[in-house]
N, C-alpha and C. Protein backbone atom coordinates (compact mmCIF):
# COMPACT_ATOMS: atom_id res chain seq x y z
N UNK A 1 28.94 -73.91 -14.53
CA UNK A 1 29.83 -73.30 -13.95
C UNK A 1 29.72 -73.95 -12.20
N UNK A 2 30.84 -74.00 -11.45
CA UNK A 2 30.79 -74.70 -10.29
C UNK A 2 30.44 -73.57 -9.32
N UNK A 3 30.34 -73.46 -8.21
CA UNK A 3 30.28 -72.34 -7.25
C UNK A 3 31.21 -73.03 -6.14
N UNK A 4 31.81 -72.14 -5.41
CA UNK A 4 32.67 -72.25 -4.42
C UNK A 4 32.29 -71.77 -3.01
N UNK A 5 31.87 -72.63 -2.12
CA UNK A 5 31.35 -72.36 -0.94
C UNK A 5 32.33 -73.13 0.27
N UNK A 6 32.01 -72.33 1.41
CA UNK A 6 33.04 -72.71 2.39
C UNK A 6 32.21 -73.98 3.48
N UNK A 7 32.92 -74.73 3.91
CA UNK A 7 32.80 -75.73 5.04
C UNK A 7 33.90 -75.87 5.79
N UNK A 8 33.24 -75.47 7.16
CA UNK A 8 34.41 -75.68 8.17
C UNK A 8 33.93 -76.50 9.51
N UNK A 9 35.08 -76.62 10.11
CA UNK A 9 34.77 -77.96 11.05
C UNK A 9 34.84 -77.11 12.60
N UNK A 10 34.12 -77.60 13.39
CA UNK A 10 34.39 -77.05 14.83
C UNK A 10 34.61 -78.44 15.90
N UNK A 11 34.75 -78.12 16.99
CA UNK A 11 34.93 -79.07 18.14
C UNK A 11 33.84 -78.98 19.01
N UNK A 12 32.64 -79.42 18.76
CA UNK A 12 31.66 -79.29 19.86
C UNK A 12 30.71 -77.92 19.74
N UNK A 13 31.24 -76.78 19.00
CA UNK A 13 30.53 -75.34 19.05
C UNK A 13 29.98 -75.35 17.62
N UNK A 14 29.91 -76.09 17.11
CA UNK A 14 29.13 -75.68 15.85
C UNK A 14 28.03 -74.93 15.65
N UNK A 15 26.93 -75.27 16.75
CA UNK A 15 25.71 -74.91 16.67
C UNK A 15 25.84 -73.44 17.24
N UNK A 16 26.45 -73.24 18.31
CA UNK A 16 26.57 -71.98 18.73
C UNK A 16 27.20 -70.81 17.71
N UNK A 17 28.53 -71.36 17.02
CA UNK A 17 28.97 -70.49 16.00
C UNK A 17 28.15 -70.16 14.97
N UNK A 18 27.41 -71.25 14.25
CA UNK A 18 26.48 -70.94 13.35
C UNK A 18 25.40 -70.03 13.63
N UNK A 19 24.78 -70.06 14.81
CA UNK A 19 23.78 -69.31 15.02
C UNK A 19 24.44 -67.82 15.11
N UNK A 20 25.77 -67.73 15.57
CA UNK A 20 25.99 -66.15 15.73
C UNK A 20 26.53 -65.96 14.59
N UNK A 21 27.36 -66.63 13.51
CA UNK A 21 27.21 -66.14 12.28
C UNK A 21 26.08 -65.84 11.46
N UNK A 22 25.08 -66.39 11.43
CA UNK A 22 23.72 -66.31 10.78
C UNK A 22 23.37 -64.59 11.33
N UNK A 23 23.18 -64.51 12.70
CA UNK A 23 22.92 -63.19 13.09
C UNK A 23 23.79 -62.12 12.61
N UNK A 24 25.26 -62.20 12.74
CA UNK A 24 26.08 -61.17 12.37
C UNK A 24 26.33 -61.04 10.80
N UNK A 25 26.21 -61.87 10.06
CA UNK A 25 26.36 -62.24 8.61
C UNK A 25 24.89 -61.55 8.10
N UNK A 26 23.69 -61.74 8.67
CA UNK A 26 22.54 -61.64 7.98
C UNK A 26 21.86 -62.54 7.03
N UNK A 27 22.87 -63.88 7.21
CA UNK A 27 22.21 -65.01 6.67
C UNK A 27 21.12 -65.94 7.52
N UNK A 28 20.29 -66.92 6.62
CA UNK A 28 19.47 -67.79 7.44
C UNK A 28 19.97 -69.10 7.65
N UNK A 29 19.93 -69.38 8.81
CA UNK A 29 20.15 -70.76 9.22
C UNK A 29 19.15 -71.57 8.72
N UNK A 30 19.74 -72.52 7.73
CA UNK A 30 18.84 -73.72 7.06
C UNK A 30 18.86 -74.88 7.47
N UNK A 31 19.89 -75.42 7.99
CA UNK A 31 20.21 -76.80 8.77
C UNK A 31 20.95 -76.81 9.62
N UNK A 32 20.52 -77.58 10.65
CA UNK A 32 21.31 -77.79 12.12
C UNK A 32 20.92 -79.26 12.84
N UNK A 33 21.77 -80.19 11.86
CA UNK A 33 21.21 -81.47 12.15
C UNK A 33 22.31 -82.09 13.18
N UNK A 34 21.99 -82.83 14.11
CA UNK A 34 23.11 -83.75 14.80
C UNK A 34 23.15 -85.18 14.27
N UNK A 35 24.16 -85.62 14.93
CA UNK A 35 24.46 -87.00 14.20
C UNK A 35 23.43 -87.83 14.53
N UNK A 36 23.13 -87.79 15.65
CA UNK A 36 21.96 -88.52 16.09
C UNK A 36 20.47 -88.50 15.30
N UNK A 37 20.23 -87.26 14.78
CA UNK A 37 19.19 -86.95 13.80
C UNK A 37 19.47 -87.34 12.30
N UNK A 38 20.57 -88.07 11.94
CA UNK A 38 20.91 -88.51 10.87
C UNK A 38 20.07 -89.50 10.40
N UNK A 39 19.73 -89.58 9.08
CA UNK A 39 18.98 -91.01 8.52
C UNK A 39 19.70 -92.41 9.16
N UNK A 40 20.86 -92.22 9.50
CA UNK A 40 21.46 -93.54 10.14
C UNK A 40 22.11 -93.36 11.36
N UNK A 41 21.41 -92.94 12.45
CA UNK A 41 21.93 -92.66 13.61
C UNK A 41 22.82 -93.57 14.39
N UNK A 42 22.54 -95.04 14.26
CA UNK A 42 23.38 -96.02 14.72
C UNK A 42 24.64 -96.12 14.13
N UNK A 43 24.92 -95.48 12.94
CA UNK A 43 26.35 -95.35 12.21
C UNK A 43 27.21 -94.31 12.76
N UNK A 44 26.35 -93.29 13.79
CA UNK A 44 27.36 -92.09 14.12
C UNK A 44 28.43 -92.46 14.97
N UNK A 45 29.31 -91.70 14.64
CA UNK A 45 30.74 -91.83 15.54
C UNK A 45 30.55 -91.90 16.88
N UNK A 46 31.39 -92.78 17.84
CA UNK A 46 31.12 -92.85 19.24
C UNK A 46 31.15 -91.46 19.96
N UNK A 47 30.37 -91.32 21.07
CA UNK A 47 30.26 -89.98 21.83
C UNK A 47 30.13 -89.08 21.20
N UNK A 48 29.29 -89.06 19.90
CA UNK A 48 28.79 -87.60 18.84
C UNK A 48 27.88 -87.45 18.76
N UNK A 49 26.95 -88.33 19.15
CA UNK A 49 25.30 -88.01 19.02
C UNK A 49 24.80 -86.39 19.06
N UNK A 50 25.26 -85.73 19.97
CA UNK A 50 25.02 -84.45 20.17
C UNK A 50 25.59 -83.43 19.44
N UNK A 51 26.73 -83.80 18.69
CA UNK A 51 27.54 -83.11 18.04
C UNK A 51 26.69 -82.84 16.59
N UNK A 52 27.21 -81.49 15.89
CA UNK A 52 26.42 -81.22 14.57
C UNK A 52 26.97 -82.14 13.45
N UNK A 53 26.13 -82.59 12.77
CA UNK A 53 26.69 -83.37 11.55
C UNK A 53 26.74 -82.41 10.39
N UNK A 54 25.75 -81.66 10.30
CA UNK A 54 25.74 -80.59 8.99
C UNK A 54 25.02 -79.44 9.49
N UNK A 55 25.40 -78.40 9.16
CA UNK A 55 24.92 -77.24 9.56
C UNK A 55 25.05 -75.97 8.31
N UNK A 56 23.87 -75.42 8.01
CA UNK A 56 24.36 -74.23 6.41
C UNK A 56 23.34 -73.08 6.86
N UNK A 57 24.23 -71.97 6.50
CA UNK A 57 23.73 -70.72 6.49
C UNK A 57 23.38 -70.02 4.78
N UNK A 58 22.31 -69.79 4.52
CA UNK A 58 22.34 -69.17 3.16
C UNK A 58 22.39 -67.89 3.25
N UNK A 59 23.46 -67.17 2.58
CA UNK A 59 23.93 -65.72 2.91
C UNK A 59 22.89 -64.96 1.75
N UNK A 60 22.80 -63.65 2.12
CA UNK A 60 21.94 -62.93 1.29
C UNK A 60 22.31 -62.95 -0.06
N UNK A 61 23.76 -63.31 -0.61
CA UNK A 61 23.73 -63.30 -2.02
C UNK A 61 23.85 -64.85 -2.61
N UNK A 62 23.24 -65.37 -1.97
CA UNK A 62 22.77 -66.92 -2.43
C UNK A 62 23.91 -68.06 -2.00
N UNK A 63 25.30 -67.46 -1.51
CA UNK A 63 26.22 -68.37 -1.43
C UNK A 63 26.04 -69.12 -0.11
N UNK A 64 26.53 -70.03 0.31
CA UNK A 64 26.45 -71.01 1.55
C UNK A 64 27.78 -71.21 2.39
N UNK A 65 27.49 -70.75 3.75
CA UNK A 65 28.39 -71.20 4.68
C UNK A 65 28.04 -72.43 5.44
N UNK A 66 28.72 -73.56 5.12
CA UNK A 66 28.54 -74.98 5.79
C UNK A 66 29.63 -75.26 6.63
N UNK A 67 28.84 -76.02 7.64
CA UNK A 67 29.98 -76.32 8.90
C UNK A 67 29.44 -77.64 9.54
N UNK A 68 30.15 -78.46 10.46
CA UNK A 68 29.87 -79.49 11.05
C UNK A 68 30.95 -79.44 12.20
N UNK A 69 30.32 -80.43 13.24
CA UNK A 69 31.67 -80.82 14.21
C UNK A 69 32.36 -82.03 13.92
N UNK A 70 33.48 -81.94 14.13
CA UNK A 70 34.26 -83.05 13.99
C UNK A 70 33.61 -84.22 14.97
N UNK A 71 33.87 -85.52 14.62
CA UNK A 71 33.47 -86.53 15.56
C UNK A 71 34.53 -86.29 16.69
N UNK A 72 33.59 -86.71 17.81
CA UNK A 72 34.61 -86.66 19.14
C UNK A 72 36.12 -87.46 19.34
N UNK A 73 37.04 -86.57 19.42
CA UNK A 73 38.28 -86.92 19.69
C UNK A 73 39.06 -86.63 18.15
N UNK A 74 38.33 -86.25 17.46
CA UNK A 74 38.89 -86.19 15.93
C UNK A 74 39.31 -84.89 15.37
N UNK A 75 39.06 -83.75 16.17
CA UNK A 75 39.14 -82.37 15.68
C UNK A 75 40.53 -81.98 15.59
N UNK A 76 40.73 -81.22 14.52
CA UNK A 76 42.05 -80.71 14.34
C UNK A 76 42.01 -79.01 14.16
N UNK A 77 42.60 -78.33 14.68
CA UNK A 77 42.42 -76.79 14.81
C UNK A 77 42.24 -76.16 13.26
N UNK A 78 41.60 -75.23 13.02
CA UNK A 78 41.64 -74.83 11.68
C UNK A 78 42.89 -74.09 11.22
N UNK A 79 43.36 -74.14 9.97
CA UNK A 79 44.76 -73.70 9.75
C UNK A 79 44.68 -73.48 8.22
N UNK A 80 45.66 -72.73 7.59
CA UNK A 80 46.03 -72.35 6.31
C UNK A 80 44.81 -71.72 5.61
N UNK A 81 43.91 -71.19 5.91
CA UNK A 81 42.89 -70.27 4.93
C UNK A 81 42.31 -69.20 5.89
N UNK A 82 41.36 -68.33 5.42
CA UNK A 82 40.92 -67.44 6.07
C UNK A 82 39.43 -67.43 5.17
N UNK A 83 38.33 -67.06 5.92
CA UNK A 83 37.26 -66.72 5.41
C UNK A 83 37.13 -65.22 5.16
N UNK A 84 36.89 -64.86 3.81
CA UNK A 84 36.99 -63.33 3.42
C UNK A 84 35.62 -62.76 3.09
N UNK A 85 35.31 -61.51 3.79
CA UNK A 85 34.12 -60.74 3.58
C UNK A 85 34.51 -59.31 2.92
N UNK A 86 33.63 -58.93 2.00
CA UNK A 86 33.90 -57.57 1.40
C UNK A 86 32.63 -56.98 1.56
N UNK A 87 32.42 -55.73 2.04
CA UNK A 87 31.35 -54.82 2.27
C UNK A 87 31.55 -53.88 1.35
N UNK A 88 30.60 -53.21 1.10
CA UNK A 88 30.46 -51.82 0.10
C UNK A 88 31.13 -50.45 0.74
N UNK A 89 31.10 -50.70 2.30
CA UNK A 89 31.45 -49.51 2.78
C UNK A 89 32.31 -49.97 4.05
N UNK A 90 33.09 -48.93 4.64
CA UNK A 90 34.03 -49.21 5.74
C UNK A 90 33.09 -49.25 7.08
N UNK A 91 32.17 -48.69 7.38
CA UNK A 91 31.46 -48.96 8.36
C UNK A 91 30.67 -50.13 8.62
N UNK A 92 30.17 -50.65 7.53
CA UNK A 92 29.46 -52.16 7.60
C UNK A 92 30.81 -53.13 7.82
N UNK A 93 31.75 -52.92 7.16
CA UNK A 93 32.92 -53.96 7.50
C UNK A 93 33.50 -53.92 9.14
N UNK A 94 33.47 -52.34 9.75
CA UNK A 94 34.01 -52.12 11.03
C UNK A 94 33.02 -52.77 11.97
N UNK A 95 31.74 -52.84 11.68
CA UNK A 95 30.65 -53.49 12.45
C UNK A 95 31.11 -54.86 12.61
N UNK A 96 30.97 -55.45 11.45
CA UNK A 96 30.97 -56.91 11.26
C UNK A 96 32.45 -57.46 12.00
N UNK A 97 33.31 -56.88 11.67
CA UNK A 97 34.88 -57.22 12.14
C UNK A 97 34.84 -57.04 13.64
N UNK A 98 34.22 -56.25 14.25
CA UNK A 98 34.04 -55.85 15.58
C UNK A 98 33.11 -57.07 16.26
N UNK A 99 32.10 -57.70 15.57
CA UNK A 99 31.27 -58.68 16.06
C UNK A 99 32.31 -59.96 16.06
N UNK A 100 32.78 -60.25 14.94
CA UNK A 100 33.45 -61.53 14.71
C UNK A 100 34.71 -61.51 15.64
N UNK A 101 35.53 -60.44 16.05
CA UNK A 101 36.56 -60.42 16.70
C UNK A 101 36.48 -60.56 18.51
N UNK A 102 34.88 -60.18 18.64
CA UNK A 102 34.65 -60.28 19.99
C UNK A 102 34.90 -61.78 20.65
N UNK A 103 35.95 -61.75 21.69
CA UNK A 103 36.17 -62.97 22.31
C UNK A 103 37.24 -63.72 21.62
N UNK A 104 37.90 -63.19 20.57
CA UNK A 104 38.79 -63.90 19.62
C UNK A 104 39.95 -63.01 19.94
N UNK A 105 40.86 -62.89 18.64
CA UNK A 105 42.10 -62.28 18.66
C UNK A 105 42.05 -61.48 17.38
N UNK A 106 42.82 -60.27 17.55
CA UNK A 106 42.96 -59.76 16.18
C UNK A 106 44.26 -59.87 15.77
N UNK A 107 44.51 -60.16 14.53
CA UNK A 107 45.80 -60.23 13.70
C UNK A 107 46.24 -59.10 13.08
N UNK A 108 45.32 -58.44 12.74
CA UNK A 108 45.55 -56.90 12.04
C UNK A 108 44.38 -55.84 12.12
N UNK A 109 44.55 -54.89 12.94
CA UNK A 109 43.38 -54.15 13.55
C UNK A 109 42.81 -53.46 12.18
N UNK A 110 41.57 -53.37 12.16
CA UNK A 110 40.90 -52.73 10.89
C UNK A 110 41.83 -51.24 10.56
N UNK A 111 42.13 -51.13 9.41
CA UNK A 111 42.79 -49.98 8.81
C UNK A 111 42.86 -49.88 7.26
N UNK A 112 42.99 -48.54 6.89
CA UNK A 112 43.06 -48.32 5.59
C UNK A 112 44.29 -49.03 4.86
N UNK A 113 43.91 -49.56 3.65
CA UNK A 113 44.99 -50.14 2.62
C UNK A 113 44.90 -49.65 1.38
N UNK A 114 45.67 -50.06 0.43
CA UNK A 114 45.53 -49.64 -0.85
C UNK A 114 44.37 -50.14 -1.77
N UNK A 115 44.08 -51.56 -1.15
CA UNK A 115 42.77 -52.01 -1.82
C UNK A 115 41.63 -51.72 -1.09
N UNK A 116 41.49 -51.16 -0.14
CA UNK A 116 40.10 -51.03 0.74
C UNK A 116 40.16 -49.88 1.50
N UNK A 117 39.22 -49.12 1.81
CA UNK A 117 38.98 -47.91 2.85
C UNK A 117 39.17 -48.78 4.07
N UNK A 118 39.05 -49.94 4.35
CA UNK A 118 39.15 -50.68 5.61
C UNK A 118 39.45 -52.25 5.44
N UNK A 119 40.37 -52.86 5.97
CA UNK A 119 40.69 -54.13 6.06
C UNK A 119 41.50 -54.49 7.61
N UNK A 120 40.87 -55.68 7.92
CA UNK A 120 41.24 -56.14 9.07
C UNK A 120 41.41 -57.60 9.32
N UNK A 121 41.96 -58.37 9.89
CA UNK A 121 42.03 -59.78 10.02
C UNK A 121 41.89 -60.13 11.77
N UNK A 122 41.05 -61.12 11.78
CA UNK A 122 40.99 -61.77 13.20
C UNK A 122 40.59 -63.12 13.14
N UNK A 123 40.62 -63.75 14.05
CA UNK A 123 40.23 -65.30 14.52
C UNK A 123 39.40 -64.89 15.54
N UNK A 124 38.08 -65.63 15.39
CA UNK A 124 36.89 -65.53 16.29
C UNK A 124 37.01 -66.30 17.56
N UNK A 125 36.19 -66.50 18.20
CA UNK A 125 36.26 -67.11 19.50
C UNK A 125 36.46 -68.70 19.37
N UNK A 126 35.79 -69.17 18.28
CA UNK A 126 35.79 -70.40 17.56
C UNK A 126 37.01 -70.99 16.98
N UNK A 127 38.06 -70.01 16.78
CA UNK A 127 38.91 -70.53 15.92
C UNK A 127 38.83 -70.14 14.52
N UNK A 128 38.07 -69.68 13.90
CA UNK A 128 37.80 -69.43 12.53
C UNK A 128 38.40 -68.00 12.28
N UNK A 129 39.36 -68.11 11.25
CA UNK A 129 39.97 -66.99 10.82
C UNK A 129 39.41 -66.14 9.87
N UNK A 130 39.16 -64.70 9.83
CA UNK A 130 38.43 -63.75 9.05
C UNK A 130 39.16 -62.66 8.38
N UNK A 131 38.94 -62.39 7.20
CA UNK A 131 39.42 -61.12 6.76
C UNK A 131 38.35 -60.32 6.32
N UNK A 132 38.29 -59.12 6.75
CA UNK A 132 37.09 -58.29 6.64
C UNK A 132 37.60 -56.93 5.77
N UNK A 133 37.05 -56.76 4.77
CA UNK A 133 37.35 -55.37 4.04
C UNK A 133 36.15 -54.66 3.81
N UNK A 134 36.20 -53.26 3.60
CA UNK A 134 34.95 -52.38 3.23
C UNK A 134 35.52 -51.26 2.44
N UNK A 135 34.64 -50.97 1.34
CA UNK A 135 35.13 -49.75 0.82
C UNK A 135 36.09 -50.21 -0.24
N UNK A 136 35.90 -51.22 -1.12
CA UNK A 136 36.93 -51.56 -2.20
C UNK A 136 37.45 -50.55 -3.00
N UNK A 137 38.73 -50.49 -3.31
CA UNK A 137 39.03 -49.76 -4.43
C UNK A 137 39.77 -50.38 -5.41
N UNK A 138 40.01 -49.81 -6.76
CA UNK A 138 40.44 -50.48 -7.54
C UNK A 138 41.73 -50.85 -7.52
N UNK A 139 42.34 -51.73 -7.78
CA UNK A 139 43.71 -52.27 -7.88
C UNK A 139 44.23 -52.67 -9.37
N UNK A 140 45.45 -52.43 -9.59
CA UNK A 140 46.14 -52.86 -10.74
C UNK A 140 45.68 -54.40 -11.28
N UNK A 141 45.45 -54.49 -12.32
CA UNK A 141 45.30 -56.00 -12.95
C UNK A 141 46.67 -56.47 -13.15
N UNK A 142 46.76 -57.98 -13.31
CA UNK A 142 47.99 -58.46 -13.56
C UNK A 142 48.01 -58.52 -15.16
């Protein structure tokens, strides 16, 4: 059975963002390799030696959050998705939401919904969109 993990791209801020995510989400930063540290540094994209080629956070549940910096001059803003987090309690979700939203923007302030005691949407200061839920409630099945 396959697993589905997330891989996101930054424009030179990957190391800073991934260190923050590891701290906020309680994961362990396992990899943070620059293009210059790759096995073939001579083939790294121009002006990208100090950018992150691969970063990986192992989450407490075993899932992975992976990321890299786009090569210099090739970055496109993140769009068309959100990373979704679900916590057992509204208090834990509120704490994480506040830390992710700090310096970013709030699309939907945390509030009660029919599927959770708390749900909020934000985009962090690096442009990553997040959905944060806490205190899940049963929803009708299709």
